[in-house]
Amino acid sequence: MSTGKSGGKTVAGARDMRVKVKKAGKLKHSSQLWLERQLNDPYVKRAKELGYRSRAAFKLEEMDDRYKFLKPGQRLVDLGCAPGGWCQIAAKRIGLERGKGHIVGIALAEAAIEFAHDVLAPGGFFLAKLFQGGDSAELLGELKRDFTTVRNVKPAASRSDSSELYVLATGYRRAAREAAGNEAE
């Protein structure tokens, strides 16, 4: 007789429908566990079905359902808005599609990079906290273009089940490349 898990309980005759990730290439064990958790997360699945940018949308929904802080016509600022799940929920609840209210979303890591371009000297470094699963591919592409080395760092003090990671970019070279490009013109 086979057994499976349903809602944390073992049920006789049921199949375990959880997705298991096999060890793939250079994937670290912690990354493998994170990926497996993502693939089996009902909120991740539901977010995709509803067209939400992230499962975080359900967190804001739940808090607003309980405390009723989002009102039609409000003006909101979402700091660290990437990937944008909270903005999607807030927009619906304040009536943005009916022309009511305003939302300003600031993807803090992207704003920090723009600031870094203004102040970093050649050879400088950039360190920022990101979240796995966010829209970080474009951000990483920009860093790889403007720095000699870009590393994803997960300090031991960071909880293993946390989706946070840090990106450390060293050897800033954008200013030097732009200066060389301007001299050629």
Protein backbone atom coordinates (compact mmCIF):
# COMPACT_ATOMS: atom_id res chain seq x y z
CA MET A 1 0.00 0.00 0.00
CA SER A 2 1.39 3.42 -0.95
CA THR A 3 1.12 6.45 1.25
CA GLY A 4 1.25 10.15 0.45
CA LYS A 5 0.92 13.47 2.21
CA SER A 6 -2.11 15.68 2.04
CA GLY A 7 -2.15 18.87 4.09
CA GLY A 8 0.67 17.55 6.26
CA LYS A 9 -1.17 14.29 7.05
CA THR A 10 -0.35 10.90 5.58
CA VAL A 11 -3.23 9.40 3.63
CA ALA A 12 -3.30 5.71 2.69
CA GLY A 13 -3.42 5.11 -1.04
CA ALA A 14 -2.64 8.73 -1.98
CA ARG A 15 0.23 9.75 -4.23
CA ASP A 16 2.72 12.36 -3.13
CA MET A 17 2.17 15.08 -5.75
CA ARG A 18 5.02 17.32 -4.62
CA VAL A 19 7.60 18.23 -7.23
CA LYS A 20 11.08 17.05 -6.33
CA VAL A 21 14.11 18.70 -7.87
CA LYS A 22 16.93 16.39 -8.83
CA LYS A 23 20.49 17.55 -8.28
CA ALA A 24 21.16 19.61 -11.39
CA GLY A 25 24.70 20.54 -12.32
CA LYS A 26 26.12 23.28 -10.14
CA LEU A 27 22.92 23.83 -8.15
CA LYS A 28 23.77 24.11 -4.45
CA HIS A 29 21.68 22.18 -1.96
CA SER A 30 20.15 25.38 -0.55
CA SER A 31 19.20 26.53 -4.06
CA GLN A 32 17.75 23.11 -4.80
CA LEU A 33 15.60 23.31 -1.64
CA TRP A 34 14.46 26.85 -2.49
CA LEU A 35 13.49 25.80 -6.02
CA GLU A 36 11.60 22.77 -4.72
CA ARG A 37 9.76 24.96 -2.20
CA GLN A 38 8.86 27.44 -4.97
CA LEU A 39 7.58 24.73 -7.29
CA ASN A 40 5.34 23.31 -4.55
CA ASP A 41 4.14 26.59 -3.06
CA PRO A 42 0.36 26.97 -3.61
CA TYR A 43 0.64 30.77 -3.44
CA VAL A 44 3.25 30.82 -6.23
CA LYS A 45 0.95 28.67 -8.39
CA ARG A 46 -2.10 30.82 -7.63
CA ALA A 47 -0.16 34.04 -8.29
CA LYS A 48 0.75 32.75 -11.75
CA GLU A 49 -2.86 31.74 -12.43
CA LEU A 50 -4.14 35.21 -11.46
CA GLY A 51 -1.37 37.08 -13.29
CA TYR A 52 0.23 38.49 -10.14
CA ARG A 53 3.91 39.31 -10.29
CA SER A 54 4.62 37.54 -6.99
CA ARG A 55 3.11 35.61 -4.11
CA ALA A 56 3.60 38.75 -1.98
CA ALA A 57 0.33 40.03 -3.47
CA PHE A 58 -1.54 37.63 -1.17
CA LYS A 59 0.29 39.03 1.88
CA LEU A 60 -0.96 42.56 1.17
CA GLU A 61 -4.44 41.25 0.37
CA GLU A 62 -4.61 39.42 3.69
CA MET A 63 -3.37 42.39 5.72
CA ASP A 64 -5.75 44.82 4.01
CA ASP A 65 -8.69 42.40 4.39
CA ARG A 66 -8.01 42.36 8.11
CA TYR A 67 -7.09 46.01 8.81
CA LYS A 68 -8.78 47.87 5.91
CA PHE A 69 -6.01 50.45 5.34
CA LEU A 70 -6.27 50.71 1.54
CA LYS A 71 -9.00 53.16 0.53
CA PRO A 72 -10.20 54.44 -2.86
CA GLY A 73 -8.32 57.50 -4.05
CA GLN A 74 -5.28 57.10 -1.79
CA ARG A 75 -1.76 58.10 -2.79
CA LEU A 76 0.77 55.38 -2.09
CA VAL A 77 4.52 54.90 -2.25
CA ASP A 78 5.80 51.31 -2.45
CA LEU A 79 9.49 51.24 -1.51
CA GLY A 80 11.31 48.18 -2.78
CA CYS A 81 8.39 47.41 -5.08
CA ALA A 82 10.03 44.79 -7.30
CA PRO A 83 8.63 42.54 -8.59
CA GLY A 84 5.38 44.52 -8.14
CA GLY A 85 2.81 42.20 -6.55
CA TRP A 86 1.88 44.74 -3.89
CA CYS A 87 1.39 47.49 -6.50
CA GLN A 88 -1.01 45.23 -8.41
CA ILE A 89 -3.22 44.65 -5.36
CA ALA A 90 -3.01 48.26 -4.17
CA ALA A 91 -3.96 49.54 -7.65
CA LYS A 92 -7.16 47.48 -7.59
CA ARG A 93 -8.08 48.52 -4.07
CA ILE A 94 -7.52 52.26 -4.44
CA GLY A 95 -9.35 52.39 -7.79
CA LEU A 96 -6.40 53.27 -10.01
CA GLU A 97 -8.09 51.75 -13.09
CA ARG A 98 -11.03 54.15 -12.47
CA GLY A 99 -8.67 57.12 -12.36
CA LYS A 100 -8.59 57.34 -8.57
CA GLY A 101 -5.44 57.55 -6.48
CA HIS A 102 -1.77 57.32 -7.39
CA ILE A 103 0.98 54.78 -6.79
CA VAL A 104 4.68 55.42 -6.98
CA GLY A 105 6.78 52.26 -6.93
CA ILE A 106 10.53 52.56 -6.38
CA ALA A 107 12.63 49.36 -7.13
CA LEU A 108 15.30 50.32 -4.50
CA ALA A 109 18.10 48.18 -5.94
CA GLU A 110 17.67 49.80 -9.36
CA ALA A 111 17.61 53.28 -7.80
CA ALA A 112 20.75 52.40 -5.83
CA ILE A 113 22.55 51.38 -9.03
CA GLU A 114 21.65 54.67 -10.70
CA PHE A 115 23.00 56.50 -7.66
CA ALA A 116 26.15 54.36 -7.73
CA HIS A 117 26.78 55.38 -11.34
CA ASP A 118 26.87 59.00 -10.16
CA VAL A 119 29.27 58.48 -7.26
CA LEU A 120 31.44 55.39 -7.80
CA ALA A 121 35.05 55.76 -8.80
CA PRO A 122 36.67 53.25 -11.17
CA GLY A 123 37.39 50.06 -9.23
CA GLY A 124 34.57 50.71 -6.73
CA PHE A 125 32.07 48.11 -5.52
CA PHE A 126 28.29 47.78 -5.18
CA LEU A 127 26.47 45.57 -2.65
CA ALA A 128 22.68 45.19 -2.51
CA LYS A 129 20.10 42.80 -1.10
CA LEU A 130 17.83 41.15 -3.65
CA PHE A 131 15.16 38.49 -3.42
CA GLN A 132 15.26 35.29 -5.43
CA GLY A 133 12.41 35.06 -7.85
CA GLY A 134 12.22 38.79 -8.39
CA ASP A 135 12.90 40.55 -11.65
CA SER A 136 16.63 40.56 -11.06
CA ALA A 137 17.87 39.32 -14.47
CA GLU A 138 17.91 42.82 -16.00
CA LEU A 139 19.59 44.23 -12.90
CA LEU A 140 22.27 41.53 -12.98
CA GLY A 141 22.84 42.16 -16.68
CA GLU A 142 23.50 45.84 -15.99
CA LEU A 143 25.90 44.97 -13.18
CA LYS A 144 27.79 42.48 -15.37
CA ARG A 145 28.17 45.15 -18.01
CA ASP A 146 29.49 47.79 -15.60
CA PHE A 147 31.60 45.74 -13.15
CA THR A 148 34.40 43.25 -13.73
CA THR A 149 33.04 40.68 -11.24
CA VAL A 150 29.46 40.03 -10.06
CA ARG A 151 28.77 37.45 -7.34
CA ASN A 152 25.62 36.20 -5.63
CA VAL A 153 26.40 35.96 -1.91
CA LYS A 154 24.35 34.20 0.78
CA PRO A 155 25.95 34.88 4.20
CA ALA A 156 25.75 32.16 6.85
CA ALA A 157 23.82 34.61 9.06
CA SER A 158 21.04 34.66 6.45
CA ARG A 159 18.41 32.01 7.14
CA SER A 160 18.70 29.12 4.74
CA ASP A 161 14.98 29.21 3.92
CA SER A 162 15.01 32.98 3.24
CA SER A 163 14.74 34.08 -0.37
CA GLU A 164 17.13 36.96 0.26
CA LEU A 165 20.52 37.02 -1.37
CA TYR A 166 23.12 39.68 -1.84
CA VAL A 167 24.76 40.72 -5.07
CA LEU A 168 28.35 41.94 -4.78
CA ALA A 169 29.73 43.69 -7.84
CA THR A 170 33.40 44.69 -7.78
CA GLY A 171 35.71 46.50 -10.19
CA TYR A 172 33.44 49.33 -11.35
CA ARG A 173 34.29 50.23 -14.95
CA ARG A 174 31.32 52.12 -16.43
CA ALA A 175 32.78 55.58 -15.84
CA ALA A 176 36.09 54.57 -17.44
CA ARG A 177 34.32 53.02 -20.44
CA GLU A 178 32.10 56.10 -20.91
CA ALA A 179 35.14 58.38 -20.72
CA ALA A 180 36.93 56.30 -23.37
CA GLY A 181 33.79 56.41 -25.54
CA ASN A 182 33.53 60.20 -25.20
CA GLU A 183 37.20 60.67 -26.19
CA ALA A 184 36.63 58.62 -29.34
CA GLU A 185 33.82 60.96 -30.47
